[in-house]
Amino acid sequence: MQPETYTLMHRMFCVASTKRELEIVLQRFTEIFEGTKNSANRDDRFDAAWARSCMAGLYVRLNEPYLAEQTYREAIERFDQEGLSNSSATFSVALATFFMEQGRQTDAEAMLEQNIVYLIRYWGTGNHHVISAEEELMHLQRTGQMIEAVMHDWCRACNIDHFGIGFDFEDTDKAER
């Protein structure tokens, strides 16, 4: 696809709000997927994976959880088959977030674990992206909440105090009132 097509499709994805608009956009992504899914061309196979990832987001917005989950899983697998582990990682987090919204913490943990695997494949062990992903998983396991590690500077549950203010700061603050 041409760069302008990606931009147009992304805009359509973002602005669709009614069920009818969402279904129209879903049909366009389905057409892209159907036209590229069996191609021998790597760029076409990327387009198929990208279309599936967008379709998954549309299924979420259309309140079709089963289709959303299956489509996310397929997109993740397709990106991984193309050696695009970073994209697989991105959509593993999206699927984990979706699971948390459904109250499926165990499934969300499994997807965050997969996120780490994909990031290690892409960045290697010890990279800050991998360390952040490990921190995100740890926080979910300890608190039952999804976070972005870049915002995780102070957390009593995870024993993280990047500010160096100490965990008794909250208690001191209360005592001053």
Protein backbone atom coordinates (compact mmCIF):
# COMPACT_ATOMS: atom_id res chain seq x y z
CA MET A 1 0.00 0.00 0.00
CA GLN A 2 1.02 3.57 -0.48
CA PRO A 3 1.82 5.72 2.57
CA GLU A 4 -1.25 7.85 1.88
CA THR A 5 -3.43 4.73 2.15
CA TYR A 6 -2.08 3.96 5.63
CA THR A 7 -2.78 7.54 6.67
CA LEU A 8 -6.29 7.48 5.25
CA MET A 9 -7.12 4.14 6.84
CA HIS A 10 -5.74 5.27 10.19
CA ARG A 11 -7.85 8.43 10.04
CA MET A 12 -10.94 6.38 9.21
CA PHE A 13 -10.15 4.08 12.14
CA CYS A 14 -9.79 7.01 14.53
CA VAL A 15 -12.84 9.04 13.54
CA ALA A 16 -15.40 6.25 13.13
CA SER A 17 -17.82 6.49 16.01
CA THR A 18 -21.21 5.09 15.10
CA LYS A 19 -21.83 1.39 14.60
CA ARG A 20 -22.43 1.99 10.91
CA GLU A 21 -19.15 3.90 10.51
CA LEU A 22 -17.23 1.26 12.44
CA GLU A 23 -18.67 -1.48 10.25
CA ILE A 24 -17.72 0.43 7.08
CA VAL A 25 -14.14 0.84 8.29
CA LEU A 26 -14.07 -2.81 9.36
CA GLN A 27 -15.14 -3.79 5.84
CA ARG A 28 -12.28 -1.75 4.32
CA PHE A 29 -9.72 -3.43 6.61
CA THR A 30 -11.26 -6.81 5.80
CA GLU A 31 -10.76 -6.08 2.10
CA ILE A 32 -7.11 -5.21 2.71
CA PHE A 33 -6.65 -8.39 4.72
CA GLU A 34 -8.35 -10.63 2.17
CA GLY A 35 -6.30 -9.13 -0.66
CA THR A 36 -2.95 -9.57 1.09
CA LYS A 37 -3.17 -12.52 3.49
CA ASN A 38 -1.77 -15.16 1.11
CA SER A 39 0.71 -13.02 -0.77
CA ALA A 40 4.31 -14.05 -1.32
CA ASN A 41 5.30 -10.39 -0.95
CA ARG A 42 6.54 -9.44 2.54
CA ASP A 43 5.04 -5.94 2.34
CA ASP A 44 1.64 -7.45 1.57
CA ARG A 45 1.96 -9.84 4.51
CA PHE A 46 2.76 -6.86 6.74
CA ASP A 47 -0.39 -5.18 5.41
CA ALA A 48 -2.39 -8.30 6.30
CA ALA A 49 -1.04 -8.32 9.87
CA TRP A 50 -1.60 -4.57 10.20
CA ALA A 51 -5.15 -4.89 8.89
CA ARG A 52 -5.87 -7.66 11.41
CA SER A 53 -4.56 -5.55 14.28
CA CYS A 54 -6.81 -2.67 13.23
CA MET A 55 -9.74 -5.04 12.82
CA ALA A 56 -9.20 -6.27 16.38
CA GLY A 57 -9.47 -2.71 17.67
CA LEU A 58 -12.65 -2.23 15.69
CA TYR A 59 -14.13 -5.43 17.11
CA VAL A 60 -13.40 -4.08 20.59
CA ARG A 61 -15.24 -0.88 19.75
CA LEU A 62 -18.13 -2.90 18.27
CA ASN A 63 -18.36 -4.88 21.52
CA GLU A 64 -17.43 -8.18 19.86
CA PRO A 65 -15.01 -9.60 22.47
CA TYR A 66 -14.60 -13.06 20.95
CA LEU A 67 -13.77 -11.67 17.51
CA ALA A 68 -11.49 -9.03 19.03
CA GLU A 69 -9.48 -11.61 20.96
CA GLN A 70 -9.15 -14.00 18.01
CA THR A 71 -8.17 -11.20 15.65
CA TYR A 72 -5.60 -9.77 18.08
CA ARG A 73 -4.08 -13.24 18.44
CA GLU A 74 -3.89 -13.70 14.69
CA ALA A 75 -2.31 -10.27 14.18
CA ILE A 76 0.30 -11.02 16.86
CA GLU A 77 1.14 -14.34 15.21
CA ARG A 78 1.33 -12.81 11.74
CA PHE A 79 3.68 -10.04 12.91
CA ASP A 80 5.83 -12.64 14.65
CA GLN A 81 6.01 -14.81 11.52
CA GLU A 82 7.32 -11.79 9.63
CA GLY A 83 10.04 -11.18 12.21
CA LEU A 84 8.29 -8.08 13.53
CA SER A 85 8.55 -8.97 17.20
CA ASN A 86 8.23 -5.35 18.26
CA SER A 87 4.78 -5.18 16.65
CA SER A 88 3.85 -8.50 18.26
CA ALA A 89 4.88 -7.01 21.60
CA THR A 90 2.77 -3.91 21.04
CA PHE A 91 -0.36 -5.91 20.33
CA SER A 92 0.34 -8.33 23.19
CA VAL A 93 0.03 -5.33 25.51
CA ALA A 94 -3.14 -4.21 23.71
CA LEU A 95 -4.62 -7.67 24.19
CA ALA A 96 -3.53 -7.72 27.85
CA THR A 97 -5.28 -4.38 28.38
CA PHE A 98 -8.38 -5.78 26.68
CA PHE A 99 -8.28 -8.81 29.00
CA MET A 100 -8.01 -6.59 32.07
CA GLU A 101 -11.06 -4.63 30.94
CA GLN A 102 -12.89 -7.97 30.90
CA GLY A 103 -11.58 -8.93 34.35
CA ARG A 104 -9.31 -11.66 32.94
CA GLN A 105 -6.13 -11.00 34.89
CA THR A 106 -4.59 -14.45 34.33
CA ASP A 107 -4.92 -14.03 30.56
CA ALA A 108 -3.53 -10.49 30.81
CA GLU A 109 -0.50 -11.79 32.72
CA ALA A 110 0.11 -14.40 30.04
CA MET A 111 0.06 -11.71 27.35
CA LEU A 112 2.46 -9.49 29.32
CA GLU A 113 4.77 -12.50 29.62
CA GLN A 114 4.57 -12.91 25.83
CA ASN A 115 5.31 -9.20 25.51
CA ILE A 116 8.60 -9.78 27.32
CA VAL A 117 9.47 -12.70 25.02
CA TYR A 118 8.83 -10.59 21.93
CA LEU A 119 10.79 -7.64 23.29
CA ILE A 120 13.77 -9.86 24.14
CA ARG A 121 13.69 -11.17 20.57
CA TYR A 122 13.70 -7.63 19.25
CA TRP A 123 15.92 -5.74 21.74
CA GLY A 124 17.84 -8.45 23.59
CA THR A 125 18.01 -9.08 27.33
CA GLY A 126 18.86 -6.19 29.59
CA ASN A 127 17.44 -3.54 27.25
CA HIS A 128 15.40 -0.84 28.99
CA HIS A 129 12.29 -1.80 27.00
CA VAL A 130 12.55 -5.35 28.34
CA ILE A 131 13.18 -4.14 31.89
CA SER A 132 10.12 -1.88 31.67
CA ALA A 133 7.99 -4.78 30.41
CA GLU A 134 9.17 -6.92 33.32
CA GLU A 135 8.25 -4.10 35.70
CA GLU A 136 4.79 -3.80 34.13
CA LEU A 137 4.19 -7.53 34.59
CA MET A 138 5.43 -7.43 38.18
CA HIS A 139 3.11 -4.51 38.97
CA LEU A 140 0.11 -6.32 37.48
CA GLN A 141 0.89 -9.43 39.52
CA ARG A 142 1.24 -7.44 42.74
CA THR A 143 -1.62 -4.99 42.35
CA GLY A 144 -3.95 -6.26 39.63
CA GLN A 145 -3.46 -3.02 37.71
CA MET A 146 -1.95 -2.32 34.30
CA ILE A 147 0.64 0.44 34.21
CA GLU A 148 3.17 1.94 31.84
CA ALA A 149 6.57 1.50 33.42
CA VAL A 150 7.67 4.97 32.32
CA MET A 151 5.05 6.34 34.72
CA HIS A 152 6.04 3.91 37.48
CA ASP A 153 8.43 6.11 39.44
CA TRP A 154 7.02 5.59 42.91
CA CYS A 155 5.15 2.47 43.96
CA ARG A 156 5.02 1.03 47.45
CA ALA A 157 3.64 -2.30 46.18
CA CYS A 158 6.62 -2.80 43.86
CA ASN A 159 9.16 -1.18 46.19
CA ILE A 160 10.09 1.42 43.56
CA ASP A 161 11.17 4.85 44.73
CA HIS A 162 12.94 6.64 41.87
CA PHE A 163 12.38 9.97 43.61
CA GLY A 164 14.23 8.88 46.75
CA ILE A 165 11.56 10.30 49.06
CA GLY A 166 10.92 7.11 51.00
CA PHE A 167 7.72 5.17 51.47
CA ASP A 168 7.02 6.83 54.80
CA PHE A 169 6.46 10.11 52.92
CA GLU A 170 2.70 9.49 52.75
CA ASP A 171 2.58 8.89 56.51
CA THR A 172 4.65 12.04 57.19
CA ASP A 173 2.34 14.06 54.96
CA LYS A 174 -0.70 12.88 56.94
CA ALA A 175 0.98 13.72 60.24
CA GLU A 176 1.57 17.32 59.12
CA ARG A 177 -2.13 17.93 58.53
